[in-house]
Amino acid sequence: MKKIICFLLTLTFFACSACSNSKQKAANEAVSSIKVGSGPEDLNYMERSGALLGPECFSIKSDGGFYLLDTAKNRILSFDSSGKKDDSFKLPDDLSVVKISVGPDDRLYVLDASKGIIGTVESENIIRYQISSLMIEPLIDFGITKSNIPYIVLADQEGGQSYLFKLENQSANIIEIKKGRLTPEEKIYKTLLIKEKGYEIGHACIMQIYDFNNKLENELLIESENWLVGASYLGEEDDQIIVQTHETDSDTDKANYNDLVKKINKDGKIAEISILPQKYKYISNDTVQKGSSLYHLNTGEHEVTLEKLNFVSADS
């Protein structure tokens, strides 16, 4: 039976966005901070072909450490659970890796979307598996399920489509296709923006959450007095659904954007909120759940920080 959950994001959150953002940023727990600069070990930002290269993607290890993809220097950095860098390796010059993901066995996977290659990192060598008969665009996500199956999520008009792969004999073969966006915990969700007449966006969207066998578990009606650009399902914890919304106060090019992460009770009430900091470089999938923690990559102009999100009560 469908569980209908409806919640309203009011303009109150944005009326004092400057103070709210600073409080939230100060409250978050920094796991690791990396300087942005000109040194050989520093991160930096670089424009190329209209894209801003630099810190692009991260993935959490089972022990709380993490990997960080740096597209400006075409490398992957490794950090231990205390946030200290413990390794760094250069990617091959003939690969343009855009996504990385750690499997449940801590094996590191990489994706070159332009060449259609999924790779596994073995002692800093990359074993390549070629994808055939699939154009990897527009790419939404790349990950590894809890059953250790690589998957790619591509955008479509129905909220996304997920492709699961088996890697063997240098080939990445599609073994299953799922309607919707797959997550590492093998949930599938679909998001449909409710567009207002004359606009490509609106003030509401519907999110449906399914199990791996396509059984509907929850349906959320997400509404806002602000323009709602998109919403992502991050996971669940203690009977709460965790979502991230991307919102703007205007439909013009001069709009101010805000990303919020919300924990929502099963009765539809917002329990807690975290307002994400404004960033120098926008990256997709900048917030992920691992265990009971939510990690966020804050790509600042002078410093890049991996943070554990802290939340404030929705009533405060």
Foldseek 3Di string as FASTA:
>chain_A
DAQEFEDEDECVCVVPVVVQQVVQVVPWFFQAKFWADDDPRGWHWDDDPNAIFTFFEKEAFQQQWIWTQGQVQQKIWTAGNSHHTDDIAHDDPVARWRYWEAANVRWIWTDRQVQQWIWTQDVNDTQIAHEPPDRCPPWADWYAANVGWTKTWYDDQFAIKMFTFDGDPSHTDTDDIGPADADNPQKGKGKAADDDPPDPWAFWIKMWIAHNVRHTDYIYIYGYPFTWPDKDWAQDDPQWTKMKTWTWRDPDPPTDIWIKIFTAHSNNHTFWIRTHHDAPHDYHPQWHDDPPWIWGWHHHNTMITITTGDIDTPVD
